Amino acid sequence: MTRLKDKRVLVIGGASGIGAAIVERFAAEGAILAFTGRNRDTFRAIEDRCGATGLVADASDAKAVAAVVATACETLGGLDVMVFSAGASSPAVLADETAEHLDQIIGLNLRSAALAAKATVEQINAGGAMVLIGSIAGFVGVPGYGAYAASKAGLRSLGRTWAKELASKGIRVNVVSPGPTNTAMMAAVPDAVKAQLIAPIALGRMAEPAEVASAALFLASDEANYITGAELVVDGGMTA
């Protein structure tokens, strides 16, 4: 299948987890790809497997984000789609919250997404698309993860705003919000906590990264040409 044939795509945060699954799926659909990660040694296999160009960049660094968007455009010969999949999550209840923790989580999950979108607007072709990877944490209470949830709520809000602002430029902006997903980050979660997470999921299991990638593929493709400002929830019925 070639739903992204010859589309030039940059995936920010594509070296692991959901981002890596997006790189693999988009490559299988004919995209010409660049993606970012912090350490080239961790993503050489993705480069080889997908024929994609890996770019070393810290998504929390404003200058690095702007530079990597420009480099990707030069490498790919333009840009049609940008996917923002970088993110971090660590717990802190309100009583233990610190300015440093807030800056770290909101800085990467929200501030960096805004800076990446700004840099992308300056480069992306008319008719292009942005896909932001959010989370159902953005609209449900998540005890102990207030900063993370707030950052994802902010991301879905920015996505709706940018959809309005960029419509005249022919650029679509949408959000994919997964529920608990079977990634390496989730592998570190204690089994008892995983059981609690799975209990309210109607389909009785976590999502696989490839299933989230399928949702991102749809929103990035021409099949979603009349969809902007939307949020596609991929949570197995958890929030139904």
C-alpha atoms as a PDB file:
ATOM      1  CA  MET A   1       0.000   0.000   0.000  1.00  0.00           C
ATOM      2  CA  THR A   2       1.263   3.499  -0.761  1.00  0.00           C
ATOM      3  CA  ARG A   3      -1.001   5.979   0.967  1.00  0.00           C
ATOM      4  CA  LEU A   4       1.951   8.305   1.533  1.00  0.00           C
ATOM      5  CA  LYS A   5       3.790   7.684  -1.733  1.00  0.00           C
ATOM      6  CA  ASP A   6       6.516  10.297  -2.173  1.00  0.00           C
ATOM      7  CA  LYS A   7       5.228  12.358   0.766  1.00  0.00           C
ATOM      8  CA  ARG A   8       8.142  13.933   2.618  1.00  0.00           C
ATOM      9  CA  VAL A   9       7.716  13.358   6.334  1.00  0.00           C
ATOM     10  CA  LEU A  10       9.537  14.413   9.491  1.00  0.00           C
ATOM     11  CA  VAL A  11       8.808  12.510  12.710  1.00  0.00           C
ATOM     12  CA  ILE A  12      10.098  14.353  15.763  1.00  0.00           C
ATOM     13  CA  GLY A  13      10.682  11.750  18.441  1.00  0.00           C
ATOM     14  CA  GLY A  14      10.813   8.801  16.067  1.00  0.00           C
ATOM     15  CA  ALA A  15      13.575   6.712  17.607  1.00  0.00           C
ATOM     16  CA  SER A  16      11.483   4.595  19.957  1.00  0.00           C
ATOM     17  CA  GLY A  17       7.988   3.611  21.042  1.00  0.00           C
ATOM     18  CA  ILE A  18       5.042   5.066  19.157  1.00  0.00           C
ATOM     19  CA  GLY A  19       7.309   7.358  17.149  1.00  0.00           C
ATOM     20  CA  ALA A  20       9.382   4.446  15.842  1.00  0.00           C
ATOM     21  CA  ALA A  21       6.199   2.567  14.927  1.00  0.00           C
ATOM     22  CA  ILE A  22       5.053   5.621  12.972  1.00  0.00           C
ATOM     23  CA  VAL A  23       8.356   5.750  11.073  1.00  0.00           C
ATOM     24  CA  GLU A  24       8.037   2.072  10.155  1.00  0.00           C
ATOM     25  CA  ARG A  25       4.407   2.308   9.088  1.00  0.00           C
ATOM     26  CA  PHE A  26       4.879   5.486   7.071  1.00  0.00           C
ATOM     27  CA  ALA A  27       7.915   3.980   5.323  1.00  0.00           C
ATOM     28  CA  ALA A  28       5.822   0.958   4.361  1.00  0.00           C
ATOM     29  CA  GLU A  29       3.293   3.357   2.859  1.00  0.00           C
ATOM     30  CA  GLY A  30       5.825   5.004   0.552  1.00  0.00           C
ATOM     31  CA  ALA A  31       6.868   8.056   2.563  1.00  0.00           C
ATOM     32  CA  ILE A  32      10.289   9.658   2.241  1.00  0.00           C
ATOM     33  CA  LEU A  33      11.297   9.983   5.869  1.00  0.00           C
ATOM     34  CA  ALA A  34      13.480  11.775   8.357  1.00  0.00           C
ATOM     35  CA  PHE A  35      13.124  11.331  12.093  1.00  0.00           C
ATOM     36  CA  THR A  36      14.802  12.584  15.236  1.00  0.00           C
ATOM     37  CA  GLY A  37      16.306  10.960  18.305  1.00  0.00           C
ATOM     38  CA  ARG A  38      18.844  11.898  20.941  1.00  0.00           C
ATOM     39  CA  ASN A  39      21.401   9.170  20.243  1.00  0.00           C
ATOM     40  CA  ARG A  40      22.303   7.851  16.814  1.00  0.00           C
ATOM     41  CA  ASP A  41      23.422   4.516  18.250  1.00  0.00           C
ATOM     42  CA  THR A  42      19.838   3.840  19.365  1.00  0.00           C
ATOM     43  CA  PHE A  43      18.246   4.388  15.980  1.00  0.00           C
ATOM     44  CA  ARG A  44      20.661   2.995  13.389  1.00  0.00           C
ATOM     45  CA  ALA A  45      18.499  -0.126  13.068  1.00  0.00           C
ATOM     46  CA  ILE A  46      15.445   2.015  12.246  1.00  0.00           C
ATOM     47  CA  GLU A  47      17.417   3.868   9.585  1.00  0.00           C
ATOM     48  CA  ASP A  48      18.504   0.602   7.986  1.00  0.00           C
ATOM     49  CA  ARG A  49      15.126  -1.089   8.248  1.00  0.00           C
ATOM     50  CA  CYS A  50      13.066   1.830   6.946  1.00  0.00           C
ATOM     51  CA  GLY A  51      15.461   3.606   4.621  1.00  0.00           C
ATOM     52  CA  ALA A  52      14.848   6.712   6.719  1.00  0.00           C
ATOM     53  CA  THR A  53      17.261   9.486   7.681  1.00  0.00           C
ATOM     54  CA  GLY A  54      17.890   9.751  11.407  1.00  0.00           C
ATOM     55  CA  LEU A  55      18.785  13.173  12.765  1.00  0.00           C
ATOM     56  CA  VAL A  56      20.277  13.713  16.221  1.00  0.00           C
ATOM     57  CA  ALA A  57      18.343  16.392  18.087  1.00  0.00           C
ATOM     58  CA  ASP A  58      17.091  17.139  21.579  1.00  0.00           C
ATOM     59  CA  ALA A  59      13.423  17.971  21.135  1.00  0.00           C
ATOM     60  CA  SER A  60      13.469  20.061  24.317  1.00  0.00           C
ATOM     61  CA  ASP A  61      16.018  22.476  22.788  1.00  0.00           C
ATOM     62  CA  ALA A  62      14.297  25.281  20.844  1.00  0.00           C
ATOM     63  CA  LYS A  63      17.272  25.981  18.572  1.00  0.00           C
ATOM     64  CA  ALA A  64      17.790  22.279  17.915  1.00  0.00           C
ATOM     65  CA  VAL A  65      14.139  21.829  16.911  1.00  0.00           C
ATOM     66  CA  ALA A  66      14.235  24.718  14.441  1.00  0.00           C
ATOM     67  CA  ALA A  67      17.538  23.486  13.031  1.00  0.00           C
ATOM     68  CA  VAL A  68      16.364  19.904  12.594  1.00  0.00           C
ATOM     69  CA  VAL A  69      13.233  21.009  10.723  1.00  0.00           C
ATOM     70  CA  ALA A  70      15.396  23.025   8.331  1.00  0.00           C
ATOM     71  CA  THR A  71      17.828  20.119   7.935  1.00  0.00           C
ATOM     72  CA  ALA A  72      15.007  17.673   7.258  1.00  0.00           C
ATOM     73  CA  CYS A  73      13.570  19.941   4.565  1.00  0.00           C
ATOM     74  CA  GLU A  74      16.959  20.238   2.912  1.00  0.00           C
ATOM     75  CA  THR A  75      17.566  16.483   3.132  1.00  0.00           C
ATOM     76  CA  LEU A  76      14.112  15.491   1.899  1.00  0.00           C
ATOM     77  CA  GLY A  77      13.750  18.246  -0.678  1.00  0.00           C
ATOM     78  CA  GLY A  78      10.739  19.764   1.074  1.00  0.00           C
ATOM     79  CA  LEU A  79       8.185  18.807   3.693  1.00  0.00           C
ATOM     80  CA  ASP A  80       4.605  17.560   3.441  1.00  0.00           C
ATOM     81  CA  VAL A  81       3.938  16.076   6.885  1.00  0.00           C
ATOM     82  CA  MET A  82       5.291  16.693  10.381  1.00  0.00           C
ATOM     83  CA  VAL A  83       4.528  14.300  13.235  1.00  0.00           C
ATOM     84  CA  PHE A  84       5.368  15.374  16.777  1.00  0.00           C
ATOM     85  CA  SER A  85       5.794  12.265  18.919  1.00  0.00           C
ATOM     86  CA  ALA A  86       8.422  13.392  21.426  1.00  0.00           C
ATOM     87  CA  GLY A  87       7.376  13.263  25.050  1.00  0.00           C
ATOM     88  CA  ALA A  88       8.225  12.403  28.624  1.00  0.00           C
ATOM     89  CA  SER A  89       6.306  11.281  31.675  1.00  0.00           C
ATOM     90  CA  SER A  90       7.316  11.014  35.323  1.00  0.00           C
ATOM     91  CA  PRO A  91       5.144  11.061  38.427  1.00  0.00           C
ATOM     92  CA  ALA A  92       4.728  13.816  41.007  1.00  0.00           C
ATOM     93  CA  VAL A  93       1.710  14.454  43.187  1.00  0.00           C
ATOM     94  CA  LEU A  94       0.881  18.100  43.838  1.00  0.00           C
ATOM     95  CA  ALA A  95       2.528  18.117  47.267  1.00  0.00           C
ATOM     96  CA  ASP A  96       5.820  16.996  45.698  1.00  0.00           C
ATOM     97  CA  GLU A  97       5.656  19.080  42.495  1.00  0.00           C
ATOM     98  CA  THR A  98       8.661  21.252  41.691  1.00  0.00           C
ATOM     99  CA  ALA A  99       9.383  24.014  39.227  1.00  0.00           C
ATOM    100  CA  GLU A 100      12.101  21.861  37.688  1.00  0.00           C
ATOM    101  CA  HIS A 101       9.735  18.937  37.117  1.00  0.00           C
ATOM    102  CA  LEU A 102       7.079  21.187  35.585  1.00  0.00           C
ATOM    103  CA  ASP A 103       9.638  22.770  33.288  1.00  0.00           C
ATOM    104  CA  GLN A 104      10.920  19.365  32.190  1.00  0.00           C
ATOM    105  CA  ILE A 105       7.548  17.769  31.399  1.00  0.00           C
ATOM    106  CA  ILE A 106       5.682  20.767  30.028  1.00  0.00           C
ATOM    107  CA  GLY A 107       8.803  21.990  28.269  1.00  0.00           C
ATOM    108  CA  LEU A 108       9.209  18.826  26.217  1.00  0.00           C
ATOM    109  CA  ASN A 109       5.592  17.786  25.757  1.00  0.00           C
ATOM    110  CA  LEU A 110       4.084  21.198  25.030  1.00  0.00           C
ATOM    111  CA  ARG A 111       6.641  23.959  24.526  1.00  0.00           C
ATOM    112  CA  SER A 112       8.735  21.889  22.142  1.00  0.00           C
ATOM    113  CA  ALA A 113       5.659  20.875  20.153  1.00  0.00           C
ATOM    114  CA  ALA A 114       4.772  24.538  19.695  1.00  0.00           C
ATOM    115  CA  LEU A 115       8.291  25.392  18.572  1.00  0.00           C
ATOM    116  CA  ALA A 116       8.352  22.435  16.180  1.00  0.00           C
ATOM    117  CA  ALA A 117       5.028  23.524  14.687  1.00  0.00           C
ATOM    118  CA  LYS A 118       6.281  27.100  14.293  1.00  0.00           C
ATOM    119  CA  ALA A 119       9.409  25.910  12.497  1.00  0.00           C
ATOM    120  CA  THR A 120       7.333  23.563  10.340  1.00  0.00           C
ATOM    121  CA  VAL A 121       4.932  26.299   9.213  1.00  0.00           C
ATOM    122  CA  GLU A 122       7.872  28.153   7.738  1.00  0.00           C
ATOM    123  CA  GLN A 123       8.825  25.115   5.636  1.00  0.00           C
ATOM    124  CA  ILE A 124       5.807  22.886   4.960  1.00  0.00           C
ATOM    125  CA  ASN A 125       4.065  22.817   1.607  1.00  0.00           C
ATOM    126  CA  ALA A 126       0.479  23.949   1.102  1.00  0.00           C
ATOM    127  CA  GLY A 127      -1.740  20.920   1.453  1.00  0.00           C
ATOM    128  CA  GLY A 128       0.503  19.565   4.180  1.00  0.00           C
ATOM    129  CA  ALA A 129      -0.433  18.075   7.522  1.00  0.00           C
ATOM    130  CA  MET A 130       0.703  18.068  11.134  1.00  0.00           C
ATOM    131  CA  VAL A 131      -0.113  15.159  13.442  1.00  0.00           C
ATOM    132  CA  LEU A 132       0.453  15.627  17.171  1.00  0.00           C
ATOM    133  CA  ILE A 133       0.655  12.607  19.464  1.00  0.00           C
ATOM    134  CA  GLY A 134      -1.339  13.440  22.574  1.00  0.00           C
ATOM    135  CA  SER A 135      -2.829  11.185  25.229  1.00  0.00           C
ATOM    136  CA  ILE A 136      -6.167  10.453  26.849  1.00  0.00           C
ATOM    137  CA  ALA A 137      -4.474  11.880  29.947  1.00  0.00           C
ATOM    138  CA  GLY A 138      -5.300  15.239  28.369  1.00  0.00           C
ATOM    139  CA  PHE A 139      -8.974  14.879  29.212  1.00  0.00           C
ATOM    140  CA  VAL A 140      -9.171  12.555  32.218  1.00  0.00           C
ATOM    141  CA  GLY A 141      -7.788  12.960  35.719  1.00  0.00           C
ATOM    142  CA  VAL A 142      -4.516  11.075  36.217  1.00  0.00           C
ATOM    143  CA  PRO A 143      -3.500  11.137  39.905  1.00  0.00           C
ATOM    144  CA  GLY A 144       0.233  11.624  40.292  1.00  0.00           C
ATOM    145  CA  TYR A 145       0.704  12.782  36.705  1.00  0.00           C
ATOM    146  CA  GLY A 146      -0.706  16.291  36.774  1.00  0.00           C
ATOM    147  CA  ALA A 147       2.100  17.905  34.764  1.00  0.00           C
ATOM    148  CA  TYR A 148       1.950  15.219  32.086  1.00  0.00           C
ATOM    149  CA  ALA A 149      -1.847  15.416  31.845  1.00  0.00           C
ATOM    150  CA  ALA A 150      -1.751  19.216  31.682  1.00  0.00           C
ATOM    151  CA  SER A 151       0.845  19.131  28.912  1.00  0.00           C
ATOM    152  CA  LYS A 152      -1.294  16.780  26.831  1.00  0.00           C
ATOM    153  CA  ALA A 153      -4.416  18.864  27.467  1.00  0.00           C
ATOM    154  CA  GLY A 154      -2.472  21.876  26.238  1.00  0.00           C
ATOM    155  CA  LEU A 155      -1.356  19.988  23.151  1.00  0.00           C
ATOM    156  CA  ARG A 156      -4.912  19.102  22.116  1.00  0.00           C
ATOM    157  CA  SER A 157      -5.914  22.741  22.644  1.00  0.00           C
ATOM    158  CA  LEU A 158      -3.035  24.013  20.530  1.00  0.00           C
ATOM    159  CA  GLY A 159      -3.937  21.521  17.821  1.00  0.00           C
ATOM    160  CA  ARG A 160      -7.447  22.943  17.552  1.00  0.00           C
ATOM    161  CA  THR A 161      -6.137  26.508  17.527  1.00  0.00           C
ATOM    162  CA  TRP A 162      -3.518  25.797  14.883  1.00  0.00           C
ATOM    163  CA  ALA A 163      -6.114  24.043  12.728  1.00  0.00           C
ATOM    164  CA  LYS A 164      -8.032  27.339  12.609  1.00  0.00           C
ATOM    165  CA  GLU A 165      -4.957  29.488  12.112  1.00  0.00           C
ATOM    166  CA  LEU A 166      -3.400  27.390   9.348  1.00  0.00           C
ATOM    167  CA  ALA A 167      -6.482  26.418   7.349  1.00  0.00           C
ATOM    168  CA  SER A 168      -5.970  29.366   5.005  1.00  0.00           C
ATOM    169  CA  LYS A 169      -2.486  28.031   4.233  1.00  0.00           C
ATOM    170  CA  GLY A 170      -3.933  24.621   3.350  1.00  0.00           C
ATOM    171  CA  ILE A 171      -2.317  22.938   6.352  1.00  0.00           C
ATOM    172  CA  ARG A 172      -4.300  20.431   8.420  1.00  0.00           C
ATOM    173  CA  VAL A 173      -3.572  19.853  12.119  1.00  0.00           C
ATOM    174  CA  ASN A 174      -4.908  16.867  14.054  1.00  0.00           C
ATOM    175  CA  VAL A 175      -4.190  15.000  17.283  1.00  0.00           C
ATOM    176  CA  VAL A 176      -3.956  11.278  17.993  1.00  0.00           C
ATOM    177  CA  SER A 177      -4.625  10.499  21.665  1.00  0.00           C
ATOM    178  CA  PRO A 178      -3.747   6.938  22.670  1.00  0.00           C
ATOM    179  CA  GLY A 179      -4.592   5.236  25.909  1.00  0.00           C
ATOM    180  CA  PRO A 180      -2.107   2.931  27.675  1.00  0.00           C
ATOM    181  CA  THR A 181       0.249   1.560  25.016  1.00  0.00           C
ATOM    182  CA  ASN A 182       2.669  -1.350  25.115  1.00  0.00           C
ATOM    183  CA  THR A 183       5.950   0.540  24.822  1.00  0.00           C
ATOM    184  CA  ALA A 184       9.314   0.265  26.552  1.00  0.00           C
ATOM    185  CA  MET A 185       8.238   3.100  28.843  1.00  0.00           C
ATOM    186  CA  MET A 186       5.219   1.048  29.893  1.00  0.00           C
ATOM    187  CA  ALA A 187       7.388  -2.028  30.443  1.00  0.00           C
ATOM    188  CA  ALA A 188       8.902  -0.306  33.479  1.00  0.00           C
ATOM    189  CA  VAL A 189       5.489   0.088  35.129  1.00  0.00           C
ATOM    190  CA  PRO A 190       4.778  -2.439  37.936  1.00  0.00           C
ATOM    191  CA  ASP A 191       2.412  -5.280  37.005  1.00  0.00           C
ATOM    192  CA  ALA A 192      -0.127  -4.217  39.631  1.00  0.00           C
ATOM    193  CA  VAL A 193      -0.312  -0.737  38.109  1.00  0.00           C
ATOM    194  CA  LYS A 194      -0.608  -2.193  34.601  1.00  0.00           C
ATOM    195  CA  ALA A 195      -3.556  -4.291  35.768  1.00  0.00           C
ATOM    196  CA  GLN A 196      -5.265  -1.167  37.066  1.00  0.00           C
ATOM    197  CA  LEU A 197      -4.679   0.573  33.746  1.00  0.00           C
ATOM    198  CA  ILE A 198      -6.070  -2.313  31.708  1.00  0.00           C
ATOM    199  CA  ALA A 199      -9.151  -2.890  33.889  1.00  0.00           C
ATOM    200  CA  PRO A 200     -11.290  -0.070  32.382  1.00  0.00           C
ATOM    201  CA  ILE A 201     -10.296  -0.808  28.767  1.00  0.00           C
ATOM    202  CA  ALA A 202     -13.284  -2.298  26.936  1.00  0.00           C
ATOM    203  CA  LEU A 203     -11.095  -4.397  24.642  1.00  0.00           C
ATOM    204  CA  GLY A 204      -9.217  -5.817  27.629  1.00  0.00           C
ATOM    205  CA  ARG A 205      -5.645  -4.949  26.617  1.00  0.00           C
ATOM    206  CA  MET A 206      -3.268  -2.101  25.935  1.00  0.00           C
ATOM    207  CA  ALA A 207      -2.748  -0.693  22.456  1.00  0.00           C
ATOM    208  CA  GLU A 208       0.224  -1.793  20.393  1.00  0.00           C
ATOM    209  CA  PRO A 209       2.375   1.041  18.984  1.00  0.00           C
ATOM    210  CA  ALA A 210       1.531  -0.083  15.433  1.00  0.00           C
ATOM    211  CA  GLU A 211      -2.169   0.492  16.143  1.00  0.00           C
ATOM    212  CA  VAL A 212      -1.484   4.081  17.159  1.00  0.00           C
ATOM    213  CA  ALA A 213       0.671   4.472  14.045  1.00  0.00           C
ATOM    214  CA  SER A 214      -2.293   3.418  11.894  1.00  0.00           C
ATOM    215  CA  ALA A 215      -4.343   6.298  13.298  1.00  0.00           C
ATOM    216  CA  ALA A 216      -1.507   8.742  12.606  1.00  0.00           C
ATOM    217  CA  LEU A 217      -1.213   7.361   9.072  1.00  0.00           C
ATOM    218  CA  PHE A 218      -4.873   8.039   8.357  1.00  0.00           C
ATOM    219  CA  LEU A 219      -4.677  11.646   9.560  1.00  0.00           C
ATOM    220  CA  ALA A 220      -1.458  12.260   7.607  1.00  0.00           C
ATOM    221  CA  SER A 221      -2.828  10.794   4.378  1.00  0.00           C
ATOM    222  CA  ASP A 222      -5.017  12.326   1.669  1.00  0.00           C
ATOM    223  CA  GLU A 223      -7.868  10.161   2.979  1.00  0.00           C
ATOM    224  CA  ALA A 224      -8.205  12.758   5.757  1.00  0.00           C
ATOM    225  CA  ASN A 225      -8.185  15.798   3.471  1.00  0.00           C
ATOM    226  CA  TYR A 226     -11.382  17.173   5.035  1.00  0.00           C
ATOM    227  CA  ILE A 227     -10.326  16.536   8.630  1.00  0.00           C
ATOM    228  CA  THR A 228      -8.612  19.227  10.681  1.00  0.00           C
ATOM    229  CA  GLY A 229      -8.821  20.255  14.312  1.00  0.00           C
ATOM    230  CA  ALA A 230      -9.851  16.706  15.230  1.00  0.00           C
ATOM    231  CA  GLU A 231      -8.713  14.360  17.962  1.00  0.00           C
ATOM    232  CA  LEU A 232      -8.661  10.649  17.178  1.00  0.00           C
ATOM    233  CA  VAL A 233      -8.802   8.623  20.390  1.00  0.00           C
ATOM    234  CA  VAL A 234      -7.099   5.216  20.284  1.00  0.00           C
ATOM    235  CA  ASP A 235      -7.861   3.713  23.687  1.00  0.00           C
ATOM    236  CA  GLY A 236      -9.758   0.461  23.159  1.00  0.00           C
ATOM    237  CA  GLY A 237     -12.912   2.006  24.606  1.00  0.00           C
ATOM    238  CA  MET A 238     -11.275   3.064  27.868  1.00  0.00           C
ATOM    239  CA  THR A 239     -12.987   6.451  27.898  1.00  0.00           C
ATOM    240  CA  ALA A 240     -16.186   5.415  26.126  1.00  0.00           C
END
